[in-house]
Protein backbone atom coordinates (compact mmCIF):
# COMPACT_ATOMS: atom_id res chain seq x y z
CA MET A 1 118.00 -68.82 55.36
CA PRO A 2 114.97 -70.65 53.17
CA VAL A 3 112.99 -67.00 52.93
CA PRO A 4 116.18 -65.44 50.93
CA ILE A 5 116.66 -68.05 48.77
CA ARG A 6 113.02 -67.78 47.63
CA ARG A 7 113.11 -64.29 47.58
CA LEU A 8 115.91 -64.47 44.86
CA CYS A 9 114.33 -67.22 42.83
CA VAL A 10 111.46 -64.97 42.29
CA ALA A 11 113.38 -61.86 41.49
CA LEU A 12 115.66 -64.19 38.79
CA THR A 13 112.32 -65.32 37.30
CA LEU A 14 110.66 -62.34 37.42
CA CYS A 15 113.85 -61.01 35.41
CA CYS A 16 114.21 -64.02 33.00
CA ALA A 17 110.67 -62.89 31.83
CA LEU A 18 111.38 -59.36 31.60
CA LEU A 19 114.42 -60.16 29.64
CA ALA A 20 112.37 -62.49 27.39
CA ALA A 21 109.53 -60.30 26.76
CA SER A 22 111.72 -57.49 26.00
CA THR A 23 113.41 -58.73 23.22
CA ALA A 24 110.06 -60.88 21.78
CA CYS A 25 109.13 -56.92 21.68
CA GLY A 26 112.14 -55.25 20.03
CA SER A 27 111.70 -54.39 16.88
CA SER A 28 114.18 -56.12 14.30
CA GLU A 29 116.86 -54.16 11.97
CA LYS A 30 116.07 -56.02 9.08
CA THR A 31 112.76 -54.35 7.84
CA SER A 32 113.76 -51.88 5.12
CA THR A 33 111.89 -48.87 4.43
CA LYS A 34 110.90 -50.22 1.06
CA ASP A 35 108.59 -52.71 3.21
CA SER A 36 107.26 -50.40 5.14
CA ALA A 37 106.51 -47.99 2.07
CA GLN A 38 104.63 -50.84 0.77
CA ILE A 39 103.30 -51.70 3.70
CA SER A 40 101.55 -48.15 3.76
CA ALA A 41 100.14 -47.95 0.36
CA VAL A 42 98.39 -51.09 0.66
CA ASP A 43 96.75 -49.61 3.87
CA ALA A 44 96.02 -46.51 2.05
CA ALA A 45 94.27 -48.32 -0.97
CA THR A 46 92.17 -50.68 1.26
CA PRO A 47 88.78 -49.13 1.30
CA SER A 48 86.60 -47.93 4.36
CA PRO A 49 84.37 -50.44 5.44
CA SER A 50 81.42 -47.89 5.71
CA THR A 51 79.55 -47.74 2.20
CA SER A 52 76.88 -44.62 1.66
CA ALA A 53 74.51 -47.04 2.32
CA GLU A 54 75.69 -47.81 6.29
CA ARG A 55 76.36 -44.29 6.66
CA GLN A 56 72.84 -44.01 6.41
CA LYS A 57 71.82 -46.43 8.67
CA PHE A 58 74.53 -45.34 11.11
CA ALA A 59 72.78 -41.99 10.73
CA LYS A 60 69.50 -43.32 11.73
CA THR A 61 70.61 -45.48 14.45
CA ARG A 62 72.41 -42.41 15.98
CA PHE A 63 69.77 -40.25 15.21
CA VAL A 64 67.45 -42.67 17.41
CA ALA A 65 70.09 -42.78 20.24
CA ASN A 66 70.21 -39.11 20.25
CA ALA A 67 66.68 -38.25 20.17
CA GLY A 68 66.03 -40.63 22.78
CA LEU A 69 67.78 -39.26 25.14
CA ALA A 70 66.49 -36.27 24.67
CA ALA A 71 63.28 -37.43 24.82
CA GLY A 72 63.92 -39.42 27.75
CA ALA A 73 65.47 -36.61 29.68
CA VAL A 74 62.64 -34.24 29.03
CA TYR A 75 59.92 -36.34 30.29
CA GLN A 76 61.77 -37.30 33.12
CA TRP A 77 63.19 -34.14 34.18
CA ILE A 78 60.89 -31.96 32.90
CA VAL A 79 57.39 -32.92 31.57
CA LYS A 80 56.77 -35.34 34.76
CA PRO A 81 57.63 -32.39 37.03
CA TRP A 82 55.27 -29.62 35.16
CA LYS A 83 52.30 -32.07 35.19
CA ALA A 84 52.87 -32.50 39.28
CA GLY A 85 53.30 -29.36 39.32
CA LYS A 86 56.78 -28.57 40.70
CA PHE A 87 57.43 -25.67 39.06
CA LYS A 88 54.97 -23.58 41.03
CA LYS A 89 55.91 -21.21 43.43
CA GLY A 90 56.12 -22.58 46.79
CA ALA A 91 56.09 -25.71 45.78
CA LYS A 92 58.47 -28.60 47.78
CA GLY A 93 61.50 -28.84 46.45
CA ARG A 94 61.29 -26.69 43.56
CA LYS A 95 64.65 -25.73 43.72
CA LEU A 96 65.86 -28.88 42.71
CA THR A 97 63.50 -29.59 40.55
CA LEU A 98 64.38 -26.16 38.70
CA VAL A 99 68.03 -27.50 38.89
CA LYS A 100 67.39 -30.88 37.19
CA ALA A 101 65.08 -29.49 34.91
CA GLY A 102 67.75 -26.85 33.57
CA LEU A 103 69.90 -29.23 33.08
CA ALA A 104 67.83 -31.76 31.25
CA GLY A 105 67.02 -28.70 29.02
CA GLY A 106 70.43 -27.85 28.40
CA PHE A 107 71.50 -31.59 27.58
CA ALA A 108 68.14 -32.21 25.67
CA TYR A 109 69.01 -29.10 23.22
CA ASN A 110 72.74 -30.85 23.04
CA ARG A 111 71.43 -34.44 21.96
CA LEU A 112 68.44 -32.65 19.81
CA LYS A 113 71.61 -30.73 17.51
CA ALA A 114 73.23 -33.83 17.32
CA ALA A 115 70.38 -35.74 16.23
CA LYS A 116 69.77 -32.99 13.50
CA LYS A 117 73.39 -33.40 12.36
CA ASN A 118 73.08 -37.21 12.21
CA ALA A 119 69.91 -36.89 10.25
CA GLN A 120 71.83 -35.10 7.61
CA GLY A 121 73.17 -38.30 7.05
CA ASP A 122 69.79 -39.89 5.81
CA PRO A 123 67.66 -37.93 2.95
CA THR A 124 64.34 -39.31 4.75
CA LEU A 125 64.84 -37.85 8.23
CA SER A 126 66.77 -34.73 6.78
CA LYS A 127 63.61 -33.90 5.05
CA ALA A 128 61.55 -34.88 7.67
CA LEU A 129 63.31 -32.88 10.37
CA ALA A 130 63.87 -30.17 8.22
CA PRO A 131 60.61 -27.87 9.59
CA LEU A 132 61.98 -28.58 13.03
CA THR A 133 65.32 -26.89 12.79
CA ALA A 134 63.73 -23.53 14.14
CA GLY A 135 61.75 -25.08 17.15
CA ILE A 136 65.26 -26.77 18.08
CA GLU A 137 67.37 -23.80 18.12
CA SER A 138 64.07 -22.21 20.14
CA LEU A 139 64.91 -24.73 22.96
CA LYS A 140 68.11 -23.08 23.47
CA SER A 141 66.89 -20.40 25.53
CA LEU A 142 64.23 -22.64 27.60
CA PRO A 143 66.13 -24.00 30.28
CA SER A 144 66.85 -20.13 31.78
CA LYS A 145 62.92 -19.73 31.02
CA LEU A 146 62.18 -22.92 33.03
CA ARG A 147 64.70 -21.41 36.12
CA SER A 148 62.64 -17.98 36.10
CA GLY A 149 59.15 -19.82 36.54
CA ASP A 150 57.76 -19.81 33.22
CA GLU A 151 55.41 -22.87 33.17
CA GLY A 152 54.56 -22.55 29.82
CA ALA A 153 58.36 -23.32 28.93
CA ALA A 154 57.89 -27.37 29.79
CA GLY A 155 54.88 -27.51 27.27
CA VAL A 156 57.49 -25.79 24.25
CA PHE A 157 59.74 -29.11 25.36
CA ASP A 158 56.99 -31.66 25.15
CA ASP A 159 55.84 -30.36 22.15
CA ILE A 160 59.50 -30.11 20.20
CA ILE A 161 60.18 -33.73 21.42
CA ASN A 162 56.94 -35.08 20.07
CA LYS A 163 57.92 -33.22 16.96
CA VAL A 164 60.80 -34.82 16.39
CA LYS A 165 59.57 -38.25 17.55
CA ASP A 166 56.39 -38.09 14.66
CA ALA A 167 59.25 -37.04 12.09
CA GLY A 168 61.95 -39.91 13.02
CA GLN A 169 58.40 -42.35 13.06
CA SER A 170 57.69 -40.87 9.38
CA ALA A 171 61.33 -41.74 8.14
CA GLY A 172 61.68 -45.03 9.64
CA ALA A 173 63.34 -44.72 12.76
CA PRO A 174 60.65 -44.71 15.62
CA VAL A 175 62.51 -43.20 18.61
CA LYS A 176 61.56 -44.40 22.32
CA ASP A 177 62.15 -42.43 25.64
CA GLN A 178 65.26 -43.36 26.82
CA VAL A 179 66.24 -41.74 30.93
CA PRO A 180 69.72 -40.94 30.79
CA SER A 181 71.51 -41.13 34.22
CA ALA A 182 72.28 -38.13 36.20
CA SER A 183 76.06 -38.18 35.35
CA GLN A 184 75.03 -37.95 31.95
CA LEU A 185 72.85 -34.75 31.98
CA SER A 186 75.50 -33.21 33.61
CA GLY A 187 78.05 -34.37 31.65
CA GLY A 188 76.32 -33.10 28.52
């Protein structure tokens, strides 16, 4: 008979704990609408923590992160296989290499568009990246060119990435390659 008493004690303890928690979390009816209106007015009057200088700093940080991911993806899954000759017809593992390169190309295009948008928050980066806008837009069609066997497409990717890195360097935001994971590639 000690087992049912133990279960009863545990159940009673849990019920008391739940009752205490529900009364502690309950709302008080004494709160007036005047108090809540004052609180919301104070919240609205509080300035946001990001000043224009902070936004510019964060723009550079986001630019570096997005451009770094794009550069890492291009180097790892497009440039290295291209230099190794894995895009040539009859190369071992060509289909898998082309699939990875297509995913990397789409991912790099997506990240470069995000980097371009981030660069608009910083005047120096915006000026440095302005000439590359057409080049970034031209990358949109390159994954399909890679899949069709156009080996020159990998060189175009490499050139655009290097120009973006140079633009970041000249604006004080050096870009380093960051190889994204396979889940980041497939997720975009």
